[in-house]
Amino acid sequence: MMPVPGSGLAKGLAVTLRTMTRRSVTAHYPDTQPELAPRTRGVIGLFEENCTVCMLCARECPDWCIYIDSHKETVPAAAPGGRERSRNVLDRFAIDFALCMYCGICIEVCPFDALFWSPEFEYAETDIHELTHERDKLREWMWTVPEPPPLDPAAEEPKEIAAARKAADKAAEKAEACRAQAEAEGGDAE
């Protein structure tokens, strides 16, 4: 049996009319802010105090969109008779978000936890050259990074925390012993 000419058009118009009478479910973005998941990946934030200028993030970036400049400074000896040391000082840290593909490799390879995902996503620019954000802007985004989820109480304590606790306890015992010795010597002088 042959379809009636124009029946396809009538079915299409019926679907259109049905859809036009329904309420819209589209959230219009600027007026309605989206509800983001707690650990949403938006933009990369920089915690500058942790950056040692090791350059791992820039070397591992597949897009080569991370620009780092630094210089060396000499640090005086910590103890008398000790050696002077040199350390890298960060001069420039920039990410070109026009090139970035948001893979997160830079965040994964950072051994000092200097880079984090921020849920901030409203950083559009009218000029592509303005998408290269310097460390000041990256530092601003760092404060939008949510706290990490709490550790599971039944989980084993991380070895780093156990080592830090052991070192702190040992230092406290040593300080207590020194204080006790000083009190004993002060008592002998009388």
N, C-alpha and C. Protein backbone atom coordinates (compact mmCIF):
# COMPACT_ATOMS: atom_id res chain seq x y z
N MET A 1 0.83 -1.17 0.00
CA MET A 1 0.00 0.00 0.00
C MET A 1 0.88 1.24 0.00
N MET A 2 0.55 2.21 -0.78
CA MET A 2 1.30 3.45 -0.94
C MET A 2 0.91 4.44 0.14
N PRO A 3 1.91 5.12 0.74
CA PRO A 3 1.56 6.14 1.73
C PRO A 3 0.86 7.31 1.05
N VAL A 4 0.01 7.94 1.78
CA VAL A 4 -0.72 9.09 1.27
C VAL A 4 0.26 10.24 1.12
N PRO A 5 0.24 10.91 -0.03
CA PRO A 5 1.18 12.02 -0.20
C PRO A 5 0.94 13.11 0.87
N GLY A 6 2.02 13.55 1.47
CA GLY A 6 1.95 14.59 2.48
C GLY A 6 1.73 14.07 3.89
N SER A 7 1.64 12.71 4.07
CA SER A 7 1.43 12.17 5.42
C SER A 7 2.68 12.36 6.29
N GLY A 8 3.86 12.29 5.68
CA GLY A 8 5.11 12.51 6.43
C GLY A 8 5.18 13.94 6.96
N LEU A 9 4.72 14.87 6.10
CA LEU A 9 4.71 16.27 6.50
C LEU A 9 3.72 16.49 7.65
N ALA A 10 2.57 15.84 7.57
CA ALA A 10 1.56 15.98 8.62
C ALA A 10 2.06 15.41 9.94
N LYS A 11 2.76 14.25 9.89
CA LYS A 11 3.33 13.65 11.11
C LYS A 11 4.38 14.59 11.72
N GLY A 12 5.21 15.16 10.88
CA GLY A 12 6.24 16.09 11.36
C GLY A 12 5.64 17.31 12.00
N LEU A 13 4.59 17.86 11.39
CA LEU A 13 3.93 19.04 11.96
C LEU A 13 3.24 18.69 13.28
N ALA A 14 2.72 17.46 13.39
CA ALA A 14 2.07 17.04 14.64
C ALA A 14 3.10 16.98 15.76
N VAL A 15 4.30 16.46 15.48
CA VAL A 15 5.37 16.41 16.48
C VAL A 15 5.77 17.83 16.87
N THR A 16 5.88 18.71 15.91
CA THR A 16 6.25 20.10 16.18
C THR A 16 5.21 20.78 17.07
N LEU A 17 3.95 20.58 16.77
CA LEU A 17 2.89 21.20 17.57
C LEU A 17 2.87 20.65 19.00
N ARG A 18 3.09 19.34 19.14
CA ARG A 18 3.14 18.74 20.48
C ARG A 18 4.29 19.33 21.28
N THR A 19 5.43 19.47 20.65
CA THR A 19 6.62 20.00 21.33
C THR A 19 6.45 21.47 21.69
N MET A 20 5.79 22.22 20.84
CA MET A 20 5.62 23.65 21.09
C MET A 20 4.73 23.92 22.30
N THR A 21 3.83 23.01 22.61
CA THR A 21 2.91 23.24 23.72
C THR A 21 3.50 22.82 25.07
N ARG A 22 4.63 22.08 25.06
CA ARG A 22 5.26 21.67 26.31
C ARG A 22 6.12 22.79 26.88
N ARG A 23 6.31 22.70 28.17
CA ARG A 23 7.17 23.66 28.85
C ARG A 23 8.64 23.33 28.54
N SER A 24 9.47 24.33 28.35
CA SER A 24 10.88 24.15 28.03
C SER A 24 11.65 23.68 29.26
N VAL A 25 12.58 22.75 29.09
CA VAL A 25 13.39 22.26 30.19
C VAL A 25 14.82 22.79 30.08
N THR A 26 15.09 23.61 29.09
CA THR A 26 16.43 24.14 28.88
C THR A 26 16.74 25.19 29.96
N ALA A 27 17.89 25.05 30.59
CA ALA A 27 18.34 26.06 31.56
C ALA A 27 19.13 27.10 30.80
N HIS A 28 18.68 28.32 30.81
CA HIS A 28 19.35 29.38 30.08
C HIS A 28 20.51 29.88 30.94
N TYR A 29 21.73 29.57 30.50
CA TYR A 29 22.94 29.70 31.32
C TYR A 29 23.17 31.04 32.00
N PRO A 30 23.25 32.14 31.35
CA PRO A 30 23.62 33.32 32.14
C PRO A 30 22.61 33.65 33.24
N ASP A 31 21.34 33.35 32.98
CA ASP A 31 20.30 33.65 33.97
C ASP A 31 20.26 32.60 35.06
N THR A 32 20.47 31.35 34.70
CA THR A 32 20.41 30.24 35.65
C THR A 32 21.79 29.60 35.74
N GLN A 33 22.42 29.66 36.90
CA GLN A 33 23.73 29.04 37.08
C GLN A 33 23.58 27.52 37.16
N PRO A 34 24.46 26.77 36.50
CA PRO A 34 24.35 25.31 36.56
C PRO A 34 24.77 24.78 37.93
N GLU A 35 24.21 23.64 38.29
CA GLU A 35 24.62 22.97 39.52
C GLU A 35 25.77 22.04 39.17
N LEU A 36 26.95 22.36 39.66
CA LEU A 36 28.15 21.60 39.32
C LEU A 36 28.40 20.51 40.35
N ALA A 37 29.02 19.44 39.91
CA ALA A 37 29.43 18.37 40.82
C ALA A 37 30.49 18.92 41.76
N PRO A 38 30.66 18.33 42.95
CA PRO A 38 31.60 18.89 43.94
C PRO A 38 33.05 18.98 43.43
N ARG A 39 33.51 18.03 42.68
CA ARG A 39 34.91 18.06 42.22
C ARG A 39 34.98 18.33 40.71
N THR A 40 34.21 19.28 40.23
CA THR A 40 34.17 19.62 38.81
C THR A 40 35.54 20.11 38.34
N ARG A 41 35.93 19.69 37.15
CA ARG A 41 37.18 20.17 36.55
C ARG A 41 36.87 21.36 35.67
N GLY A 42 37.28 22.52 36.09
CA GLY A 42 37.04 23.71 35.30
C GLY A 42 38.32 24.26 34.70
N VAL A 43 39.12 24.90 35.52
CA VAL A 43 40.36 25.52 35.09
C VAL A 43 41.45 25.13 36.08
N ILE A 44 42.70 25.33 35.72
CA ILE A 44 43.83 24.91 36.55
C ILE A 44 44.25 26.07 37.45
N GLY A 45 44.35 25.79 38.75
CA GLY A 45 44.80 26.79 39.72
C GLY A 45 46.22 26.48 40.17
N LEU A 46 46.97 27.52 40.51
CA LEU A 46 48.38 27.38 40.92
C LEU A 46 48.54 27.75 42.39
N PHE A 47 49.10 26.83 43.17
CA PHE A 47 49.48 27.12 44.55
C PHE A 47 50.97 27.41 44.52
N GLU A 48 51.29 28.68 44.33
CA GLU A 48 52.65 29.12 44.02
C GLU A 48 53.67 28.75 45.08
N GLU A 49 53.27 28.71 46.35
CA GLU A 49 54.20 28.40 47.43
C GLU A 49 54.77 26.99 47.30
N ASN A 50 54.04 26.08 46.67
CA ASN A 50 54.52 24.71 46.53
C ASN A 50 55.36 24.49 45.27
N CYS A 51 55.37 25.44 44.35
CA CYS A 51 56.09 25.27 43.08
C CYS A 51 57.60 25.40 43.30
N THR A 52 58.35 24.37 42.91
CA THR A 52 59.81 24.38 43.03
C THR A 52 60.49 24.61 41.69
N VAL A 53 59.72 24.92 40.67
CA VAL A 53 60.21 25.16 39.31
C VAL A 53 60.97 23.95 38.80
N CYS A 54 60.41 22.78 39.03
CA CYS A 54 61.04 21.55 38.54
C CYS A 54 60.78 21.34 37.05
N MET A 55 59.80 22.05 36.49
CA MET A 55 59.46 22.04 35.07
C MET A 55 58.82 20.75 34.58
N LEU A 56 58.46 19.85 35.48
CA LEU A 56 57.83 18.60 35.05
C LEU A 56 56.52 18.85 34.31
N CYS A 57 55.72 19.79 34.82
CA CYS A 57 54.43 20.07 34.19
C CYS A 57 54.62 20.56 32.76
N ALA A 58 55.58 21.46 32.54
CA ALA A 58 55.82 22.01 31.20
C ALA A 58 56.37 20.94 30.27
N ARG A 59 57.24 20.06 30.79
CA ARG A 59 57.82 19.01 29.94
C ARG A 59 56.81 17.95 29.55
N GLU A 60 55.89 17.62 30.46
CA GLU A 60 54.93 16.55 30.20
C GLU A 60 53.69 17.02 29.45
N CYS A 61 53.49 18.32 29.35
CA CYS A 61 52.29 18.85 28.68
C CYS A 61 52.32 18.50 27.20
N PRO A 62 51.32 17.75 26.70
CA PRO A 62 51.32 17.38 25.28
C PRO A 62 51.08 18.56 24.36
N ASP A 63 50.48 19.63 24.86
CA ASP A 63 50.20 20.81 24.02
C ASP A 63 51.26 21.90 24.16
N TRP A 64 52.16 21.76 25.09
CA TRP A 64 53.21 22.75 25.36
C TRP A 64 52.58 24.11 25.61
N CYS A 65 51.59 24.15 26.48
CA CYS A 65 50.87 25.40 26.74
C CYS A 65 51.25 26.01 28.09
N ILE A 66 52.24 25.44 28.78
CA ILE A 66 52.68 25.96 30.07
C ILE A 66 54.03 26.65 29.86
N TYR A 67 54.11 27.90 30.30
CA TYR A 67 55.32 28.70 30.15
C TYR A 67 55.86 29.03 31.53
N ILE A 68 57.12 28.65 31.78
CA ILE A 68 57.74 28.87 33.09
C ILE A 68 59.09 29.56 32.88
N ASP A 69 59.30 30.63 33.64
CA ASP A 69 60.60 31.30 33.68
C ASP A 69 61.03 31.36 35.14
N SER A 70 62.35 31.20 35.37
CA SER A 70 62.86 31.24 36.74
C SER A 70 64.30 31.71 36.74
N HIS A 71 64.81 31.95 37.93
CA HIS A 71 66.22 32.25 38.11
C HIS A 71 66.70 31.58 39.39
N LYS A 72 68.01 31.45 39.54
CA LYS A 72 68.57 30.81 40.73
C LYS A 72 69.00 31.88 41.73
N GLU A 73 68.75 31.58 43.01
CA GLU A 73 69.19 32.43 44.11
C GLU A 73 70.03 31.59 45.05
N THR A 74 71.02 32.19 45.66
CA THR A 74 71.84 31.50 46.65
C THR A 74 71.23 31.71 48.02
N VAL A 75 71.07 30.60 48.72
CA VAL A 75 70.50 30.63 50.07
C VAL A 75 71.64 30.42 51.06
N PRO A 76 71.77 31.27 52.08
CA PRO A 76 72.87 31.09 53.04
C PRO A 76 72.73 29.76 53.79
N ALA A 77 73.83 29.35 54.38
CA ALA A 77 73.86 28.08 55.11
C ALA A 77 72.88 28.14 56.28
N ALA A 78 72.22 27.02 56.52
CA ALA A 78 71.24 26.95 57.60
C ALA A 78 71.92 26.90 58.96
N ALA A 79 73.07 26.27 59.02
CA ALA A 79 73.81 26.14 60.28
C ALA A 79 75.22 26.70 60.07
N PRO A 80 75.86 27.17 61.12
CA PRO A 80 77.23 27.68 60.98
C PRO A 80 78.15 26.57 60.46
N GLY A 81 78.97 26.93 59.49
CA GLY A 81 79.88 25.96 58.90
C GLY A 81 79.24 25.13 57.80
N GLY A 82 77.96 25.35 57.52
CA GLY A 82 77.25 24.62 56.48
C GLY A 82 77.52 25.21 55.10
N ARG A 83 77.03 24.55 54.09
CA ARG A 83 77.23 25.01 52.72
C ARG A 83 76.08 25.90 52.28
N GLU A 84 76.41 26.85 51.41
CA GLU A 84 75.36 27.64 50.78
C GLU A 84 74.65 26.75 49.76
N ARG A 85 73.41 27.01 49.56
CA ARG A 85 72.63 26.24 48.59
C ARG A 85 72.03 27.21 47.58
N SER A 86 71.68 26.67 46.43
CA SER A 86 70.98 27.49 45.45
C SER A 86 69.59 26.90 45.24
N ARG A 87 68.64 27.78 44.96
CA ARG A 87 67.27 27.31 44.72
C ARG A 87 66.68 28.10 43.57
N ASN A 88 65.75 27.48 42.89
CA ASN A 88 65.06 28.14 41.78
C ASN A 88 63.96 29.03 42.33
N VAL A 89 63.82 30.21 41.75
CA VAL A 89 62.78 31.14 42.14
C VAL A 89 61.89 31.37 40.92
N LEU A 90 60.61 31.23 41.10
CA LEU A 90 59.64 31.35 40.00
C LEU A 90 59.49 32.81 39.60
N ASP A 91 59.72 33.11 38.33
CA ASP A 91 59.51 34.46 37.79
C ASP A 91 58.20 34.55 37.03
N ARG A 92 57.92 33.52 36.23
CA ARG A 92 56.70 33.52 35.42
C ARG A 92 56.14 32.12 35.34
N PHE A 93 54.85 32.00 35.54
CA PHE A 93 54.13 30.74 35.34
C PHE A 93 52.84 31.12 34.62
N ALA A 94 52.70 30.66 33.39
CA ALA A 94 51.51 31.00 32.60
C ALA A 94 51.00 29.76 31.89
N ILE A 95 49.69 29.70 31.71
CA ILE A 95 49.06 28.62 30.96
C ILE A 95 48.23 29.26 29.86
N ASP A 96 48.44 28.80 28.63
CA ASP A 96 47.66 29.28 27.49
C ASP A 96 46.45 28.38 27.34
N PHE A 97 45.30 28.84 27.82
CA PHE A 97 44.09 28.02 27.76
C PHE A 97 43.50 27.94 26.37
N ALA A 98 44.04 28.71 25.41
CA ALA A 98 43.63 28.55 24.02
C ALA A 98 44.22 27.26 23.45
N LEU A 99 45.33 26.82 24.01
CA LEU A 99 45.98 25.58 23.55
C LEU A 99 45.67 24.38 24.45
N CYS A 100 45.39 24.64 25.71
CA CYS A 100 45.20 23.57 26.69
C CYS A 100 44.03 22.68 26.31
N MET A 101 44.24 21.36 26.44
CA MET A 101 43.14 20.43 26.16
C MET A 101 42.58 19.83 27.43
N TYR A 102 42.97 20.38 28.60
CA TYR A 102 42.40 20.00 29.89
C TYR A 102 42.55 18.51 30.18
N CYS A 103 43.70 17.96 29.83
CA CYS A 103 43.94 16.53 30.07
C CYS A 103 44.31 16.27 31.52
N GLY A 104 44.87 17.26 32.21
CA GLY A 104 45.23 17.10 33.61
C GLY A 104 46.57 16.43 33.85
N ILE A 105 47.35 16.20 32.81
CA ILE A 105 48.65 15.55 32.98
C ILE A 105 49.56 16.41 33.86
N CYS A 106 49.51 17.72 33.70
CA CYS A 106 50.35 18.62 34.50
C CYS A 106 50.02 18.47 35.98
N ILE A 107 48.76 18.30 36.31
CA ILE A 107 48.35 18.16 37.70
C ILE A 107 48.81 16.82 38.24
N GLU A 108 48.71 15.78 37.42
CA GLU A 108 49.10 14.44 37.85
C GLU A 108 50.60 14.33 38.11
N VAL A 109 51.44 14.96 37.27
CA VAL A 109 52.88 14.78 37.39
C VAL A 109 53.52 15.72 38.40
N CYS A 110 52.81 16.73 38.88
CA CYS A 110 53.40 17.68 39.84
C CYS A 110 53.70 16.97 41.15
N PRO A 111 54.98 16.81 41.50
CA PRO A 111 55.32 16.08 42.73
C PRO A 111 55.11 16.89 44.00
N PHE A 112 54.85 18.19 43.87
CA PHE A 112 54.75 19.05 45.05
C PHE A 112 53.36 19.63 45.25
N ASP A 113 52.37 19.12 44.55
CA ASP A 113 50.98 19.58 44.67
C ASP A 113 50.88 21.10 44.52
N ALA A 114 51.38 21.59 43.40
CA ALA A 114 51.29 23.03 43.12
C ALA A 114 50.16 23.35 42.15
N LEU A 115 49.63 22.34 41.46
CA LEU A 115 48.56 22.55 40.49
C LEU A 115 47.33 21.76 40.90
N PHE A 116 46.16 22.40 40.75
CA PHE A 116 44.90 21.78 41.15
C PHE A 116 43.81 22.13 40.14
N TRP A 117 42.79 21.27 40.08
CA TRP A 117 41.59 21.59 39.30
C TRP A 117 40.71 22.52 40.11
N SER A 118 40.30 23.62 39.51
CA SER A 118 39.35 24.53 40.13
C SER A 118 38.01 24.36 39.42
N PRO A 119 36.90 24.47 40.13
CA PRO A 119 35.61 24.35 39.46
C PRO A 119 35.21 25.60 38.67
N GLU A 120 36.05 26.62 38.69
CA GLU A 120 35.75 27.86 37.98
C GLU A 120 35.73 27.59 36.47
N PHE A 121 34.68 28.03 35.80
CA PHE A 121 34.59 27.80 34.36
C PHE A 121 34.25 29.06 33.57
N GLU A 122 34.01 30.16 34.24
CA GLU A 122 33.64 31.40 33.56
C GLU A 122 34.88 32.26 33.35
N TYR A 123 35.65 31.93 32.33
CA TYR A 123 36.84 32.73 32.04
C TYR A 123 36.97 32.99 30.55
N ALA A 124 35.85 33.10 29.87
CA ALA A 124 35.85 33.37 28.43
C ALA A 124 36.42 34.76 28.16
N GLU A 125 37.06 34.90 27.04
CA GLU A 125 37.65 36.18 26.63
C GLU A 125 37.21 36.48 25.21
N THR A 126 37.21 37.75 24.85
CA THR A 126 36.84 38.14 23.49
C THR A 126 38.02 38.04 22.54
N ASP A 127 39.24 38.09 23.07
CA ASP A 127 40.44 38.00 22.25
C ASP A 127 41.21 36.75 22.65
N ILE A 128 41.62 35.94 21.69
CA ILE A 128 42.30 34.68 21.97
C ILE A 128 43.63 34.91 22.68
N HIS A 129 44.24 36.05 22.48
CA HIS A 129 45.53 36.35 23.13
C HIS A 129 45.37 36.56 24.64
N GLU A 130 44.17 36.86 25.09
CA GLU A 130 43.92 37.07 26.51
C GLU A 130 43.67 35.76 27.26
N LEU A 131 43.70 34.63 26.55
CA LEU A 131 43.50 33.33 27.21
C LEU A 131 44.79 32.78 27.81
N THR A 132 45.90 33.49 27.66
CA THR A 132 47.13 33.11 28.36
C THR A 132 47.08 33.79 29.71
N HIS A 133 46.85 32.98 30.75
CA HIS A 133 46.69 33.53 32.09
C HIS A 133 47.98 33.36 32.88
N GLU A 134 48.42 34.45 33.47
CA GLU A 134 49.66 34.48 34.25
C GLU A 134 49.41 33.97 35.66
N ARG A 135 50.47 33.89 36.45
CA ARG A 135 50.38 33.28 37.78
C ARG A 135 49.45 34.02 38.73
N ASP A 136 49.26 35.32 38.55
CA ASP A 136 48.34 36.06 39.42
C ASP A 136 46.91 35.54 39.26
N LYS A 137 46.49 35.36 38.02
CA LYS A 137 45.14 34.85 37.77
C LYS A 137 45.02 33.40 38.21
N LEU A 138 46.06 32.61 37.95
CA LEU A 138 46.05 31.19 38.36
C LEU A 138 46.00 31.08 39.88
N ARG A 139 46.65 32.00 40.58
CA ARG A 139 46.63 32.01 42.05
C ARG A 139 45.23 32.35 42.55
N GLU A 140 44.53 33.27 41.88
CA GLU A 140 43.16 33.60 42.26
C GLU A 140 42.26 32.38 42.18
N TRP A 141 42.42 31.57 41.14
CA TRP A 141 41.59 30.38 40.98
C TRP A 141 41.91 29.33 42.02
N MET A 142 43.09 29.37 42.58
CA MET A 142 43.46 28.37 43.59
C MET A 142 42.52 28.43 44.79
N TRP A 143 42.02 29.61 45.11
CA TRP A 143 41.17 29.74 46.29
C TRP A 143 39.75 29.24 46.04
N THR A 144 39.43 28.87 44.79
CA THR A 144 38.11 28.28 44.51
C THR A 144 38.16 26.76 44.54
N VAL A 145 39.36 26.19 44.74
CA VAL A 145 39.50 24.73 44.78
C VAL A 145 38.87 24.22 46.06
N PRO A 146 37.96 23.24 45.95
CA PRO A 146 37.32 22.72 47.17
C PRO A 146 38.28 21.87 47.99
N GLU A 147 37.97 21.73 49.26
CA GLU A 147 38.77 20.88 50.14
C GLU A 147 38.69 19.44 49.65
N PRO A 148 39.76 18.67 49.81
CA PRO A 148 39.68 17.26 49.43
C PRO A 148 38.71 16.53 50.35
N PRO A 149 38.14 15.45 49.86
CA PRO A 149 37.21 14.71 50.72
C PRO A 149 37.96 14.15 51.93
N PRO A 150 37.28 14.00 53.06
CA PRO A 150 37.96 13.49 54.26
C PRO A 150 38.42 12.04 54.06
N LEU A 151 39.46 11.69 54.80
CA LEU A 151 39.97 10.33 54.73
C LEU A 151 38.97 9.37 55.37
N ASP A 152 38.95 8.17 54.87
CA ASP A 152 38.09 7.13 55.44
C ASP A 152 38.66 6.77 56.80
N PRO A 153 37.84 6.81 57.86
CA PRO A 153 38.36 6.52 59.20
C PRO A 153 38.90 5.09 59.33
N ALA A 154 38.42 4.18 58.50
CA ALA A 154 38.88 2.80 58.58
C ALA A 154 40.14 2.56 57.74
N ALA A 155 40.56 3.58 56.98
CA ALA A 155 41.72 3.41 56.11
C ALA A 155 43.02 3.45 56.92
N GLU A 156 44.05 2.87 56.35
CA GLU A 156 45.37 2.89 56.96
C GLU A 156 45.94 4.30 56.86
N GLU A 157 46.64 4.75 57.89
CA GLU A 157 47.21 6.09 57.90
C GLU A 157 48.29 6.20 56.81
N PRO A 158 48.30 7.29 56.04
CA PRO A 158 49.33 7.45 55.00
C PRO A 158 50.72 7.49 55.64
N LYS A 159 51.69 6.90 54.95
CA LYS A 159 53.04 6.81 55.51
C LYS A 159 53.68 8.18 55.72
N GLU A 160 53.29 9.16 54.89
CA GLU A 160 53.84 10.50 55.05
C GLU A 160 53.39 11.12 56.37
N ILE A 161 52.12 10.93 56.71
CA ILE A 161 51.59 11.48 57.96
C ILE A 161 52.21 10.76 59.16
N ALA A 162 52.36 9.44 59.04
CA ALA A 162 52.97 8.67 60.13
C ALA A 162 54.41 9.11 60.35
N ALA A 163 55.16 9.33 59.26
CA ALA A 163 56.55 9.77 59.39
C ALA A 163 56.62 11.16 59.99
N ALA A 164 55.72 12.06 59.59
CA ALA A 164 55.71 13.42 60.14
C ALA A 164 55.36 13.39 61.63
N ARG A 165 54.40 12.55 62.01
CA ARG A 165 54.01 12.45 63.42
C ARG A 165 55.19 11.91 64.25
N LYS A 166 55.88 10.90 63.71
CA LYS A 166 57.02 10.31 64.42
C LYS A 166 58.14 11.35 64.61
N ALA A 167 58.40 12.13 63.56
CA ALA A 167 59.44 13.17 63.65
C ALA A 167 59.04 14.25 64.65
N ALA A 168 57.76 14.64 64.66
CA ALA A 168 57.29 15.65 65.61
C ALA A 168 57.38 15.14 67.04
N ASP A 169 57.02 13.87 67.25
CA ASP A 169 57.11 13.29 68.60
C ASP A 169 58.56 13.25 69.07
N LYS A 170 59.46 12.87 68.16
CA LYS A 170 60.88 12.79 68.51
C LYS A 170 61.42 14.17 68.85
N ALA A 171 61.02 15.20 68.08
CA ALA A 171 61.47 16.58 68.36
C ALA A 171 60.90 17.06 69.69
N ALA A 172 59.65 16.71 69.99
CA ALA A 172 59.05 17.11 71.26
C ALA A 172 59.76 16.44 72.43
N GLU A 173 60.12 15.16 72.30
CA GLU A 173 60.85 14.46 73.35
C GLU A 173 62.21 15.09 73.58
N LYS A 174 62.88 15.45 72.48
CA LYS A 174 64.21 16.06 72.58
C LYS A 174 64.11 17.42 73.27
N ALA A 175 63.09 18.21 72.91
CA ALA A 175 62.90 19.51 73.53
C ALA A 175 62.59 19.36 75.02
N GLU A 176 61.79 18.37 75.37
CA GLU A 176 61.45 18.11 76.77
C GLU A 176 62.70 17.70 77.56
N ALA A 177 63.56 16.86 76.93
CA ALA A 177 64.78 16.43 77.59
C ALA A 177 65.72 17.62 77.81
N CYS A 178 65.82 18.49 76.81
CA CYS A 178 66.67 19.68 76.94
C CYS A 178 66.15 20.60 78.04
N ARG A 179 64.83 20.76 78.09
CA ARG A 179 64.23 21.61 79.12
C ARG A 179 64.45 21.01 80.51
N ALA A 180 64.30 19.70 80.63
CA ALA A 180 64.52 19.04 81.92
C ALA A 180 65.97 19.16 82.35
N GLN A 181 66.88 19.02 81.38
CA GLN A 181 68.31 19.13 81.69
C GLN A 181 68.64 20.57 82.13
N ALA A 182 68.05 21.56 81.44
CA ALA A 182 68.28 22.95 81.81
C ALA A 182 67.74 23.24 83.20
N GLU A 183 66.59 22.68 83.55
CA GLU A 183 66.03 22.87 84.90
C GLU A 183 66.91 22.21 85.95
N ALA A 184 67.43 21.02 85.61
CA ALA A 184 68.30 20.31 86.57
C ALA A 184 69.59 21.09 86.78
N GLU A 185 70.17 21.64 85.73
CA GLU A 185 71.38 22.42 85.87
C GLU A 185 71.11 23.73 86.59
N GLY A 186 69.94 24.30 86.37
CA GLY A 186 69.55 25.53 87.08
C GLY A 186 69.35 25.26 88.56
N GLY A 187 68.86 24.08 88.92
CA GLY A 187 68.64 23.71 90.31
C GLY A 187 69.96 23.43 91.01
N ASP A 188 70.98 22.90 90.27
CA ASP A 188 72.30 22.62 90.87
C ASP A 188 73.04 23.90 91.17
N ALA A 189 72.79 24.95 90.43
CA ALA A 189 73.52 26.21 90.61
C ALA A 189 73.12 26.90 91.91
N GLU A 190 71.95 26.60 92.43
CA GLU A 190 71.50 27.24 93.66
C GLU A 190 72.16 26.57 94.79
